[in-house]
Amino acid sequence: MSRRCTICGKKSMVAVTRKKLRGNYNPTSKKRKYPNLQWVHIANGKRVKACAKCIKTMGKTK
């Protein structure tokens, strides 16, 4: 299963943590962050994975 929102297309991103060491920034590691995907039923009865932001927006428009 893909880790992508089927509604808006949001996918994972790479975040670089920076630690300050003796006045200089030391790039320590890269970490992959994933969107908050959840199973949801849409209007035509299909189950799809959608991010929490899209689920919240769908609740407002109904």
PDB file of N, CA and C in Angstrom:
ATOM      1  N   MET A   1       0.843  -1.178   0.000  1.00  0.00           N
ATOM      2  CA  MET A   1       0.000   0.000   0.000  1.00  0.00           C
ATOM      3  C   MET A   1       0.886   1.238   0.000  1.00  0.00           C
ATOM      4  N   SER A   2       0.509   2.196  -0.783  1.00  0.00           N
ATOM      5  CA  SER A   2       1.348   3.384  -0.877  1.00  0.00           C
ATOM      6  C   SER A   2       1.077   4.321   0.299  1.00  0.00           C
ATOM      7  N   ARG A   3       2.085   5.061   0.681  1.00  0.00           N
ATOM      8  CA  ARG A   3       1.948   6.016   1.773  1.00  0.00           C
ATOM      9  C   ARG A   3       1.700   7.392   1.192  1.00  0.00           C
ATOM     10  N   ARG A   4       0.578   7.523   0.509  1.00  0.00           N
ATOM     11  CA  ARG A   4       0.204   8.768  -0.151  1.00  0.00           C
ATOM     12  C   ARG A   4      -1.303   8.961   0.019  1.00  0.00           C
ATOM     13  N   CYS A   5      -1.706  10.184   0.280  1.00  0.00           N
ATOM     14  CA  CYS A   5      -3.131  10.509   0.405  1.00  0.00           C
ATOM     15  C   CYS A   5      -3.762  10.446  -0.979  1.00  0.00           C
ATOM     16  N   THR A   6      -4.872   9.721  -1.103  1.00  0.00           N
ATOM     17  CA  THR A   6      -5.518   9.582  -2.406  1.00  0.00           C
ATOM     18  C   THR A   6      -6.284  10.836  -2.798  1.00  0.00           C
ATOM     19  N   ILE A   7      -6.593  11.718  -1.857  1.00  0.00           N
ATOM     20  CA  ILE A   7      -7.371  12.912  -2.161  1.00  0.00           C
ATOM     21  C   ILE A   7      -6.465  14.079  -2.572  1.00  0.00           C
ATOM     22  N   CYS A   8      -5.497  14.417  -1.737  1.00  0.00           N
ATOM     23  CA  CYS A   8      -4.651  15.577  -2.040  1.00  0.00           C
ATOM     24  C   CYS A   8      -3.274  15.201  -2.570  1.00  0.00           C
ATOM     25  N   GLY A   9      -2.861  13.941  -2.429  1.00  0.00           N
ATOM     26  CA  GLY A   9      -1.566  13.509  -2.943  1.00  0.00           C
ATOM     27  C   GLY A   9      -0.400  13.767  -2.003  1.00  0.00           C
ATOM     28  N   LYS A  10      -0.675  14.082  -0.745  1.00  0.00           N
ATOM     29  CA  LYS A  10       0.389  14.336   0.223  1.00  0.00           C
ATOM     30  C   LYS A  10       1.196  13.063   0.430  1.00  0.00           C
ATOM     31  N   LYS A  11       2.535  13.187   0.481  1.00  0.00           N
ATOM     32  CA  LYS A  11       3.390  12.016   0.660  1.00  0.00           C
ATOM     33  C   LYS A  11       4.463  12.325   1.693  1.00  0.00           C
ATOM     34  N   SER A  12       5.400  11.412   1.884  1.00  0.00           N
ATOM     35  CA  SER A  12       6.410  11.578   2.912  1.00  0.00           C
ATOM     36  C   SER A  12       7.402  12.671   2.542  1.00  0.00           C
ATOM     37  N   MET A  13       8.093  13.175   3.570  1.00  0.00           N
ATOM     38  CA  MET A  13       9.112  14.187   3.351  1.00  0.00           C
ATOM     39  C   MET A  13      10.310  13.868   4.228  1.00  0.00           C
ATOM     40  N   VAL A  14      11.470  14.411   3.862  1.00  0.00           N
ATOM     41  CA  VAL A  14      12.688  14.197   4.630  1.00  0.00           C
ATOM     42  C   VAL A  14      12.961  15.448   5.450  1.00  0.00           C
ATOM     43  N   ALA A  15      13.118  15.271   6.756  1.00  0.00           N
ATOM     44  CA  ALA A  15      13.427  16.381   7.654  1.00  0.00           C
ATOM     45  C   ALA A  15      14.846  16.189   8.176  1.00  0.00           C
ATOM     46  N   VAL A  16      15.633  17.256   8.132  1.00  0.00           N
ATOM     47  CA  VAL A  16      17.014  17.209   8.608  1.00  0.00           C
ATOM     48  C   VAL A  16      17.059  17.888   9.964  1.00  0.00           C
ATOM     49  N   THR A  17      17.537  17.163  10.973  1.00  0.00           N
ATOM     50  CA  THR A  17      17.671  17.755  12.294  1.00  0.00           C
ATOM     51  C   THR A  17      19.034  18.438  12.380  1.00  0.00           C
ATOM     52  N   ARG A  18      19.029  19.630  12.976  1.00  0.00           N
ATOM     53  CA  ARG A  18      20.278  20.379  13.114  1.00  0.00           C
ATOM     54  C   ARG A  18      20.517  20.637  14.587  1.00  0.00           C
ATOM     55  N   LYS A  19      21.714  20.355  15.029  1.00  0.00           N
ATOM     56  CA  LYS A  19      22.074  20.535  16.425  1.00  0.00           C
ATOM     57  C   LYS A  19      23.171  21.584  16.507  1.00  0.00           C
ATOM     58  N   LYS A  20      22.993  22.541  17.398  1.00  0.00           N
ATOM     59  CA  LYS A  20      23.999  23.584  17.537  1.00  0.00           C
ATOM     60  C   LYS A  20      25.110  23.090  18.454  1.00  0.00           C
ATOM     61  N   LEU A  21      26.337  23.128  17.947  1.00  0.00           N
ATOM     62  CA  LEU A  21      27.481  22.631  18.694  1.00  0.00           C
ATOM     63  C   LEU A  21      28.603  23.667  18.622  1.00  0.00           C
ATOM     64  N   ARG A  22      28.910  24.283  19.739  1.00  0.00           N
ATOM     65  CA  ARG A  22      29.965  25.303  19.832  1.00  0.00           C
ATOM     66  C   ARG A  22      29.777  26.430  18.821  1.00  0.00           C
ATOM     67  N   GLY A  23      28.537  26.912  18.671  1.00  0.00           N
ATOM     68  CA  GLY A  23      28.257  28.047  17.806  1.00  0.00           C
ATOM     69  C   GLY A  23      28.029  27.702  16.354  1.00  0.00           C
ATOM     70  N   ASN A  24      28.234  26.446  15.957  1.00  0.00           N
ATOM     71  CA  ASN A  24      28.000  26.032  14.575  1.00  0.00           C
ATOM     72  C   ASN A  24      26.931  24.950  14.530  1.00  0.00           C
ATOM     73  N   TYR A  25      26.162  24.949  13.447  1.00  0.00           N
ATOM     74  CA  TYR A  25      25.146  23.920  13.300  1.00  0.00           C
ATOM     75  C   TYR A  25      25.778  22.646  12.757  1.00  0.00           C
ATOM     76  N   ASN A  26      25.448  21.539  13.387  1.00  0.00           N
ATOM     77  CA  ASN A  26      25.977  20.242  13.001  1.00  0.00           C
ATOM     78  C   ASN A  26      24.829  19.408  12.438  1.00  0.00           C
ATOM     79  N   PRO A  27      24.752  19.206  11.115  1.00  0.00           N
ATOM     80  CA  PRO A  27      23.663  18.384  10.574  1.00  0.00           C
ATOM     81  C   PRO A  27      23.842  16.934  11.012  1.00  0.00           C
ATOM     82  N   THR A  28      22.964  16.451  11.856  1.00  0.00           N
ATOM     83  CA  THR A  28      23.182  15.146  12.466  1.00  0.00           C
ATOM     84  C   THR A  28      22.552  14.013  11.668  1.00  0.00           C
ATOM     85  N   SER A  29      21.277  14.099  11.341  1.00  0.00           N
ATOM     86  CA  SER A  29      20.669  12.959  10.671  1.00  0.00           C
ATOM     87  C   SER A  29      19.462  13.408   9.866  1.00  0.00           C
ATOM     88  N   LYS A  30      19.106  12.571   8.904  1.00  0.00           N
ATOM     89  CA  LYS A  30      17.898  12.799   8.123  1.00  0.00           C
ATOM     90  C   LYS A  30      16.847  11.817   8.600  1.00  0.00           C
ATOM     91  N   LYS A  31      15.623  12.293   8.739  1.00  0.00           N
ATOM     92  CA  LYS A  31      14.535  11.454   9.232  1.00  0.00           C
ATOM     93  C   LYS A  31      13.345  11.622   8.300  1.00  0.00           C
ATOM     94  N   ARG A  32      12.728  10.519   7.903  1.00  0.00           N
ATOM     95  CA  ARG A  32      11.583  10.567   7.011  1.00  0.00           C
ATOM     96  C   ARG A  32      10.320  10.710   7.838  1.00  0.00           C
ATOM     97  N   LYS A  33       9.501  11.702   7.492  1.00  0.00           N
ATOM     98  CA  LYS A  33       8.232  11.936   8.184  1.00  0.00           C
ATOM     99  C   LYS A  33       7.093  11.580   7.247  1.00  0.00           C
ATOM    100  N   TYR A  34       6.123  10.851   7.759  1.00  0.00           N
ATOM    101  CA  TYR A  34       5.002  10.380   6.962  1.00  0.00           C
ATOM    102  C   TYR A  34       3.729  11.124   7.341  1.00  0.00           C
ATOM    103  N   PRO A  35       2.802  11.310   6.398  1.00  0.00           N
ATOM    104  CA  PRO A  35       1.537  11.968   6.727  1.00  0.00           C
ATOM    105  C   PRO A  35       0.654  11.057   7.584  1.00  0.00           C
ATOM    106  N   ASN A  36      -0.290  11.658   8.271  1.00  0.00           N
ATOM    107  CA  ASN A  36      -1.203  10.930   9.148  1.00  0.00           C
ATOM    108  C   ASN A  36      -2.323  10.340   8.288  1.00  0.00           C
ATOM    109  N   LEU A  37      -2.076   9.152   7.718  1.00  0.00           N
ATOM    110  CA  LEU A  37      -3.052   8.517   6.831  1.00  0.00           C
ATOM    111  C   LEU A  37      -3.978   7.603   7.621  1.00  0.00           C
ATOM    112  N   GLN A  38      -5.258   7.661   7.276  1.00  0.00           N
ATOM    113  CA  GLN A  38      -6.260   6.828   7.930  1.00  0.00           C
ATOM    114  C   GLN A  38      -7.242   6.322   6.879  1.00  0.00           C
ATOM    115  N   TRP A  39      -7.824   5.161   7.131  1.00  0.00           N
ATOM    116  CA  TRP A  39      -8.847   4.623   6.229  1.00  0.00           C
ATOM    117  C   TRP A  39     -10.135   5.406   6.431  1.00  0.00           C
ATOM    118  N   VAL A  40     -10.786   5.764   5.310  1.00  0.00           N
ATOM    119  CA  VAL A  40     -12.039   6.514   5.388  1.00  0.00           C
ATOM    120  C   VAL A  40     -12.945   6.076   4.242  1.00  0.00           C
ATOM    121  N   HIS A  41     -14.255   6.095   4.494  1.00  0.00           N
ATOM    122  CA  HIS A  41     -15.242   5.777   3.460  1.00  0.00           C
ATOM    123  C   HIS A  41     -15.617   7.068   2.749  1.00  0.00           C
ATOM    124  N   ILE A  42     -15.542   7.076   1.423  1.00  0.00           N
ATOM    125  CA  ILE A  42     -15.948   8.254   0.670  1.00  0.00           C
ATOM    126  C   ILE A  42     -17.343   8.037   0.104  1.00  0.00           C
ATOM    127  N   ALA A  43     -17.857   9.003  -0.627  1.00  0.00           N
ATOM    128  CA  ALA A  43     -19.269   9.050  -1.032  1.00  0.00           C
ATOM    129  C   ALA A  43     -19.736   7.813  -1.808  1.00  0.00           C
ATOM    130  N   ASN A  44     -18.908   7.269  -2.691  1.00  0.00           N
ATOM    131  CA  ASN A  44     -19.370   6.140  -3.494  1.00  0.00           C
ATOM    132  C   ASN A  44     -19.160   4.787  -2.809  1.00  0.00           C
ATOM    133  N   GLY A  45     -18.866   4.778  -1.510  1.00  0.00           N
ATOM    134  CA  GLY A  45     -18.753   3.544  -0.754  1.00  0.00           C
ATOM    135  C   GLY A  45     -17.381   2.908  -0.770  1.00  0.00           C
ATOM    136  N   LYS A  46     -16.391   3.538  -1.398  1.00  0.00           N
ATOM    137  CA  LYS A  46     -15.042   2.982  -1.436  1.00  0.00           C
ATOM    138  C   LYS A  46     -14.279   3.373  -0.180  1.00  0.00           C
ATOM    139  N   ARG A  47     -13.367   2.491   0.237  1.00  0.00           N
ATOM    140  CA  ARG A  47     -12.460   2.778   1.341  1.00  0.00           C
ATOM    141  C   ARG A  47     -11.133   3.227   0.759  1.00  0.00           C
ATOM    142  N   VAL A  48     -10.662   4.391   1.151  1.00  0.00           N
ATOM    143  CA  VAL A  48      -9.388   4.913   0.672  1.00  0.00           C
ATOM    144  C   VAL A  48      -8.594   5.437   1.865  1.00  0.00           C
ATOM    145  N   LYS A  49      -7.291   5.596   1.652  1.00  0.00           N
ATOM    146  CA  LYS A  49      -6.452   6.204   2.680  1.00  0.00           C
ATOM    147  C   LYS A  49      -6.388   7.703   2.417  1.00  0.00           C
ATOM    148  N   ALA A  50      -6.718   8.489   3.437  1.00  0.00           N
ATOM    149  CA  ALA A  50      -6.704   9.945   3.322  1.00  0.00           C
ATOM    150  C   ALA A  50      -5.987  10.521   4.531  1.00  0.00           C
ATOM    151  N   CYS A  51      -5.365  11.670   4.338  1.00  0.00           N
ATOM    152  CA  CYS A  51      -4.671  12.319   5.453  1.00  0.00           C
ATOM    153  C   CYS A  51      -5.700  12.975   6.374  1.00  0.00           C
ATOM    154  N   ALA A  52      -5.283  13.259   7.594  1.00  0.00           N
ATOM    155  CA  ALA A  52      -6.193  13.807   8.603  1.00  0.00           C
ATOM    156  C   ALA A  52      -6.730  15.171   8.183  1.00  0.00           C
ATOM    157  N   LYS A  53      -5.933  15.957   7.462  1.00  0.00           N
ATOM    158  CA  LYS A  53      -6.375  17.276   7.015  1.00  0.00           C
ATOM    159  C   LYS A  53      -7.527  17.154   6.033  1.00  0.00           C
ATOM    160  N   CYS A  54      -7.452  16.184   5.107  1.00  0.00           N
ATOM    161  CA  CYS A  54      -8.539  15.972   4.138  1.00  0.00           C
ATOM    162  C   CYS A  54      -9.796  15.453   4.819  1.00  0.00           C
ATOM    163  N   ILE A  55      -9.639  14.584   5.809  1.00  0.00           N
ATOM    164  CA  ILE A  55     -10.788  14.061   6.541  1.00  0.00           C
ATOM    165  C   ILE A  55     -11.503  15.206   7.271  1.00  0.00           C
ATOM    166  N   LYS A  56     -10.713  16.096   7.864  1.00  0.00           N
ATOM    167  CA  LYS A  56     -11.282  17.243   8.568  1.00  0.00           C
ATOM    168  C   LYS A  56     -12.032  18.156   7.603  1.00  0.00           C
ATOM    169  N   THR A  57     -11.466  18.391   6.420  1.00  0.00           N
ATOM    170  CA  THR A  57     -12.100  19.237   5.413  1.00  0.00           C
ATOM    171  C   THR A  57     -13.374  18.604   4.889  1.00  0.00           C
ATOM    172  N   MET A  58     -13.372  17.295   4.690  1.00  0.00           N
ATOM    173  CA  MET A  58     -14.585  16.602   4.206  1.00  0.00           C
ATOM    174  C   MET A  58     -15.701  16.731   5.230  1.00  0.00           C
ATOM    175  N   GLY A  59     -15.382  16.722   6.513  1.00  0.00           N
ATOM    176  CA  GLY A  59     -16.399  16.876   7.548  1.00  0.00           C
ATOM    177  C   GLY A  59     -17.016  18.260   7.555  1.00  0.00           C
ATOM    178  N   LYS A  60     -16.265  19.280   7.166  1.00  0.00           N
ATOM    179  CA  LYS A  60     -16.787  20.644   7.147  1.00  0.00           C
ATOM    180  C   LYS A  60     -17.720  20.896   5.976  1.00  0.00           C
ATOM    181  N   THR A  61     -17.467  20.244   4.832  1.00  0.00           N
ATOM    182  CA  THR A  61     -18.262  20.535   3.647  1.00  0.00           C
ATOM    183  C   THR A  61     -19.599  19.814   3.623  1.00  0.00           C
ATOM    184  N   LYS A  62     -19.812  18.831   4.491  1.00  0.00           N
ATOM    185  CA  LYS A  62     -21.076  18.090   4.476  1.00  0.00           C
ATOM    186  C   LYS A  62     -22.194  18.855   5.134  1.00  0.00           C
TER     187      LYS A  62
END
